[in-house]
Every structure is written in C-alpha cells, then in structure tokens.
Amino acid sequence: QVQLVESGGGLVQAGGSLRLSCAASGRTFSTYAMGWFRQAPGKEREFVATISGSGAVTRHADSVRGRFAISRDNAKNMVYLQMNSLKPEDTAVYYCAAPNPGVVLSTLPRDFGSWGQGTQVTVSS
C-alpha cells in the first residue's frame, strides 16, 4: 500500500496558476506510475494526468492539455501538477493516486488503489 498526501490547493482567480504537490511513501516510488484526478461537486471523479515511473511518459486529459503539466521527482518521492491558465471549470477537489500493481499509465480511477485525502482548488471568475 502507498500513502499519499497532497498539498498546494487554494483559491485563485481565473487565468492564475497553482502547483499541487503529492508526497508518497510505502513502495519504491520510481517503480510505479502516478496519477492526478479531480472531482467537482455532483460529478464523477475524472482523470487529469498520469506519469510513468521514470517520468519519461505523460498523458493529460484533453480538457487540461497545454495548461497543466504533471511531473515527478523520484529522489524526493514527490509528484506535482503545475496548473496554468486556470478556469472556473477547473474548480474541484484534486487527488493524487497510485495504481494497483501491474497497471501502467491508466486513466481509469478503478485502476488506482491508493489515494490521497484530496486538496481543494477553487477558481473564481
């Protein structure tokens, strides 16, 4: 099992930026991919971005591509989500997640067995 703790959420105006951080512990960090998901009130949890264990491969949802960027620092057991040009529709609770063993670069919440507590991101218009 992997323990995950997110930080960095907050209130920002439209067009602004935030960087989310996620600290991981419990498994050899570089051996597994990581993902970011978000959930807005009344909506299902949705994929935002994922990154391979080495950091060489990333995938981003169409809705955030070109504005958000996932990255990781394996020496620090950290994964990040840089969010630029934020829009009100980006408002949600953001979660980092670690996939179940054997899963690589999935975009499906059901493939992720470890989740952080979430951090709120609110974008005002």
C-alpha atoms as a PDB file:
ATOM      1  CA  GLN A   1       0.000   0.000   0.000  1.00  0.00           C
ATOM      2  CA  VAL A   2       1.116   3.539  -0.751  1.00  0.00           C
ATOM      3  CA  GLN A   3       0.460   6.526   1.497  1.00  0.00           C
ATOM      4  CA  LEU A   4      -0.184   9.812  -0.310  1.00  0.00           C
ATOM      5  CA  VAL A   5      -0.508  13.368   0.990  1.00  0.00           C
ATOM      6  CA  GLU A   6      -1.461  16.265  -1.300  1.00  0.00           C
ATOM      7  CA  SER A   7      -0.823  19.953  -0.738  1.00  0.00           C
ATOM      8  CA  GLY A   8      -0.921  23.215  -2.657  1.00  0.00           C
ATOM      9  CA  GLY A   9      -4.599  23.786  -3.308  1.00  0.00           C
ATOM     10  CA  GLY A  10      -6.322  27.101  -2.733  1.00  0.00           C
ATOM     11  CA  LEU A  11      -8.351  29.936  -4.178  1.00  0.00           C
ATOM     12  CA  VAL A  12      -7.100  31.603  -7.356  1.00  0.00           C
ATOM     13  CA  GLN A  13      -8.570  33.935  -9.956  1.00  0.00           C
ATOM     14  CA  ALA A  14      -9.239  32.765 -13.482  1.00  0.00           C
ATOM     15  CA  GLY A  15      -6.048  32.882 -15.520  1.00  0.00           C
ATOM     16  CA  GLY A  16      -3.895  32.243 -12.483  1.00  0.00           C
ATOM     17  CA  SER A  17      -1.620  29.342 -11.582  1.00  0.00           C
ATOM     18  CA  LEU A  18      -1.215  26.799  -8.807  1.00  0.00           C
ATOM     19  CA  ARG A  19       1.163  23.918  -8.248  1.00  0.00           C
ATOM     20  CA  LEU A  20      -0.104  20.849  -6.442  1.00  0.00           C
ATOM     21  CA  SER A  21       2.305  18.512  -4.684  1.00  0.00           C
ATOM     22  CA  CYS A  22       1.902  14.927  -3.556  1.00  0.00           C
ATOM     23  CA  ALA A  23       4.247  13.120  -1.176  1.00  0.00           C
ATOM     24  CA  ALA A  24       4.355   9.345  -1.453  1.00  0.00           C
ATOM     25  CA  SER A  25       5.631   6.620   0.862  1.00  0.00           C
ATOM     26  CA  GLY A  26       5.319   2.878   1.253  1.00  0.00           C
ATOM     27  CA  ARG A  27       6.658   1.426  -2.015  1.00  0.00           C
ATOM     28  CA  THR A  28       9.717   2.061  -4.146  1.00  0.00           C
ATOM     29  CA  PHE A  29       8.484   5.250  -5.757  1.00  0.00           C
ATOM     30  CA  SER A  30      10.216   5.029  -9.113  1.00  0.00           C
ATOM     31  CA  THR A  31       8.705   1.625  -9.880  1.00  0.00           C
ATOM     32  CA  TYR A  32       5.138   2.799 -10.407  1.00  0.00           C
ATOM     33  CA  ALA A  33       3.207   5.404 -12.320  1.00  0.00           C
ATOM     34  CA  MET A  34       1.281   8.161 -10.581  1.00  0.00           C
ATOM     35  CA  GLY A  35      -1.896   9.971 -11.483  1.00  0.00           C
ATOM     36  CA  TRP A  36      -3.913  13.077 -10.711  1.00  0.00           C
ATOM     37  CA  PHE A  37      -7.698  13.049 -10.710  1.00  0.00           C
ATOM     38  CA  ARG A  38     -10.326  15.613  -9.777  1.00  0.00           C
ATOM     39  CA  GLN A  39     -13.910  15.605  -8.617  1.00  0.00           C
ATOM     40  CA  ALA A  40     -16.283  18.538  -8.791  1.00  0.00           C
ATOM     41  CA  PRO A  41     -19.487  18.676  -6.720  1.00  0.00           C
ATOM     42  CA  GLY A  42     -22.146  16.412  -8.196  1.00  0.00           C
ATOM     43  CA  LYS A  43     -19.776  14.951 -10.777  1.00  0.00           C
ATOM     44  CA  GLU A  44     -17.810  11.741 -11.083  1.00  0.00           C
ATOM     45  CA  ARG A  45     -14.101  11.622 -10.415  1.00  0.00           C
ATOM     46  CA  GLU A  46     -12.247  12.306 -13.648  1.00  0.00           C
ATOM     47  CA  PHE A  47      -8.751  11.737 -14.963  1.00  0.00           C
ATOM     48  CA  VAL A  48      -6.423  14.730 -15.174  1.00  0.00           C
ATOM     49  CA  ALA A  49      -2.914  13.405 -15.827  1.00  0.00           C
ATOM     50  CA  THR A  50      -0.613  10.450 -15.322  1.00  0.00           C
ATOM     51  CA  ILE A  51       3.139   9.903 -15.448  1.00  0.00           C
ATOM     52  CA  SER A  52       5.280   6.800 -15.792  1.00  0.00           C
ATOM     53  CA  GLY A  53       7.605   5.626 -13.039  1.00  0.00           C
ATOM     54  CA  SER A  54      10.670   7.083 -14.740  1.00  0.00           C
ATOM     55  CA  GLY A  55       8.869  10.296 -15.629  1.00  0.00           C
ATOM     56  CA  ALA A  56       9.596   9.841 -19.322  1.00  0.00           C
ATOM     57  CA  VAL A  57       5.982   9.359 -20.406  1.00  0.00           C
ATOM     58  CA  THR A  58       2.999  11.508 -19.503  1.00  0.00           C
ATOM     59  CA  ARG A  59      -0.642  11.688 -20.512  1.00  0.00           C
ATOM     60  CA  HIS A  60      -3.039  14.569 -19.933  1.00  0.00           C
ATOM     61  CA  ALA A  61      -6.788  14.867 -20.307  1.00  0.00           C
ATOM     62  CA  ASP A  62      -7.933  16.853 -23.332  1.00  0.00           C
ATOM     63  CA  SER A  63      -9.534  19.422 -21.042  1.00  0.00           C
ATOM     64  CA  VAL A  64      -6.196  20.350 -19.438  1.00  0.00           C
ATOM     65  CA  ARG A  65      -3.640  19.608 -22.147  1.00  0.00           C
ATOM     66  CA  GLY A  66      -1.453  22.632 -22.785  1.00  0.00           C
ATOM     67  CA  ARG A  67      -2.413  24.213 -19.448  1.00  0.00           C
ATOM     68  CA  PHE A  68      -1.487  21.568 -16.861  1.00  0.00           C
ATOM     69  CA  ALA A  69       1.720  19.546 -16.587  1.00  0.00           C
ATOM     70  CA  ILE A  70       2.438  16.526 -14.420  1.00  0.00           C
ATOM     71  CA  SER A  71       5.980  15.860 -13.245  1.00  0.00           C
ATOM     72  CA  ARG A  72       7.784  13.871 -10.586  1.00  0.00           C
ATOM     73  CA  ASP A  73      10.973  13.902  -8.551  1.00  0.00           C
ATOM     74  CA  ASN A  74      11.877  10.320  -7.693  1.00  0.00           C
ATOM     75  CA  ALA A  75      14.686  11.384  -5.390  1.00  0.00           C
ATOM     76  CA  LYS A  76      12.118  13.156  -3.194  1.00  0.00           C
ATOM     77  CA  ASN A  77       9.186  10.731  -3.693  1.00  0.00           C
ATOM     78  CA  MET A  78       7.107  13.628  -4.998  1.00  0.00           C
ATOM     79  CA  VAL A  79       4.697  14.137  -7.872  1.00  0.00           C
ATOM     80  CA  TYR A  80       3.495  17.562  -8.986  1.00  0.00           C
ATOM     81  CA  LEU A  81       0.730  19.100 -11.038  1.00  0.00           C
ATOM     82  CA  GLN A  82       1.519  22.533 -12.430  1.00  0.00           C
ATOM     83  CA  MET A  83      -1.743  24.252 -13.347  1.00  0.00           C
ATOM     84  CA  ASN A  84      -1.659  27.375 -15.508  1.00  0.00           C
ATOM     85  CA  SER A  85      -4.378  29.444 -17.175  1.00  0.00           C
ATOM     86  CA  LEU A  86      -6.885  28.160 -14.654  1.00  0.00           C
ATOM     87  CA  LYS A  87     -10.585  28.354 -15.484  1.00  0.00           C
ATOM     88  CA  PRO A  88     -13.632  28.296 -13.183  1.00  0.00           C
ATOM     89  CA  GLU A  89     -14.465  24.853 -14.557  1.00  0.00           C
ATOM     90  CA  ASP A  90     -11.203  23.561 -13.068  1.00  0.00           C
ATOM     91  CA  THR A  91     -12.729  24.007  -9.609  1.00  0.00           C
ATOM     92  CA  ALA A  92     -12.691  20.620  -7.877  1.00  0.00           C
ATOM     93  CA  VAL A  93     -11.043  18.514  -5.229  1.00  0.00           C
ATOM     94  CA  TYR A  94      -7.808  17.195  -6.703  1.00  0.00           C
ATOM     95  CA  TYR A  95      -6.448  13.782  -5.732  1.00  0.00           C
ATOM     96  CA  CYS A  96      -3.160  12.093  -6.405  1.00  0.00           C
ATOM     97  CA  ALA A  97      -3.272   8.349  -6.778  1.00  0.00           C
ATOM     98  CA  ALA A  98      -1.022   5.333  -7.166  1.00  0.00           C
ATOM     99  CA  PRO A  99      -2.118   2.473  -9.403  1.00  0.00           C
ATOM    100  CA  ASN A 100      -2.575  -1.126  -8.442  1.00  0.00           C
ATOM    101  CA  PRO A 101       0.491  -3.310  -9.090  1.00  0.00           C
ATOM    102  CA  GLY A 102       0.936  -4.060 -12.779  1.00  0.00           C
ATOM    103  CA  VAL A 103      -1.096  -1.085 -14.018  1.00  0.00           C
ATOM    104  CA  VAL A 104       0.763   1.348 -16.250  1.00  0.00           C
ATOM    105  CA  LEU A 105      -0.486   4.773 -17.362  1.00  0.00           C
ATOM    106  CA  SER A 106      -4.153   4.056 -16.837  1.00  0.00           C
ATOM    107  CA  THR A 107      -6.708   6.859 -16.937  1.00  0.00           C
ATOM    108  CA  LEU A 108      -9.362   4.893 -15.036  1.00  0.00           C
ATOM    109  CA  PRO A 109      -9.988   5.578 -11.341  1.00  0.00           C
ATOM    110  CA  ARG A 110     -10.746   1.890 -10.754  1.00  0.00           C
ATOM    111  CA  ASP A 111      -7.126   1.009 -11.636  1.00  0.00           C
ATOM    112  CA  PHE A 112      -5.809   3.119  -8.757  1.00  0.00           C
ATOM    113  CA  GLY A 113      -5.847   1.554  -5.309  1.00  0.00           C
ATOM    114  CA  SER A 114      -4.128   4.249  -3.235  1.00  0.00           C
ATOM    115  CA  TRP A 115      -5.499   7.784  -2.912  1.00  0.00           C
ATOM    116  CA  GLY A 116      -4.593  10.903  -1.043  1.00  0.00           C
ATOM    117  CA  GLN A 117      -7.067  12.872   1.036  1.00  0.00           C
ATOM    118  CA  GLY A 118      -7.562  15.477  -1.698  1.00  0.00           C
ATOM    119  CA  THR A 119      -6.882  19.193  -1.909  1.00  0.00           C
ATOM    120  CA  GLN A 120      -9.454  21.818  -2.877  1.00  0.00           C
ATOM    121  CA  VAL A 121      -8.820  24.051  -5.882  1.00  0.00           C
ATOM    122  CA  THR A 122     -11.252  26.912  -6.391  1.00  0.00           C
ATOM    123  CA  VAL A 123     -11.016  29.193  -9.419  1.00  0.00           C
ATOM    124  CA  SER A 124     -13.031  32.393  -9.274  1.00  0.00           C
ATOM    125  CA  SER A 125     -14.257  34.181 -12.389  1.00  0.00           C
END
